[in-house]
Amino acid sequence: SDDARLLRTLDAAKAVLAVAFLPGGRKLVAGLKSGGLLEVDAASGDTKEARDSDGSVAHAGAVLALAVSATAMDTTCVVSCGGDPLVKLWTHGDDGLTHAKTLPIEGEECLAVA
């Protein structure tokens, strides 16, 4: 389309492997090869890294997949998975992403969530 234009380029040093837009389309979540999760403001490029409840990066292995869902109670939930045997649930609010729950899975890694 003639209206298509580049809004933002993420820092290539961060090795982004998965992305998902949050409701409203102004922010997105990026899953990193390092295991980190970044909330990115698409307009300004500002980033905020999500931390697990113990202060560590989101996953011990690369983040390979993300899914986003808005609930009936105006809460946005993000699901992440990757190179560790964990699926993690996050809530998104004014303070960014907050770790809510960890679900262990069978096997070595998780390749997709929906």
Foldseek 3Di string as FASTA:
>chain_A
DVPDDQQDDADVVQAFQEKDAEPPRQWIWTWGQCQWIWIAGSRPRDIDIEAAPVRHGNDNGTWQEKDWDQDPVRWIKMWIWWQAQWIWIWIQDPVGTYTDDIDGHPDGTDRYDD
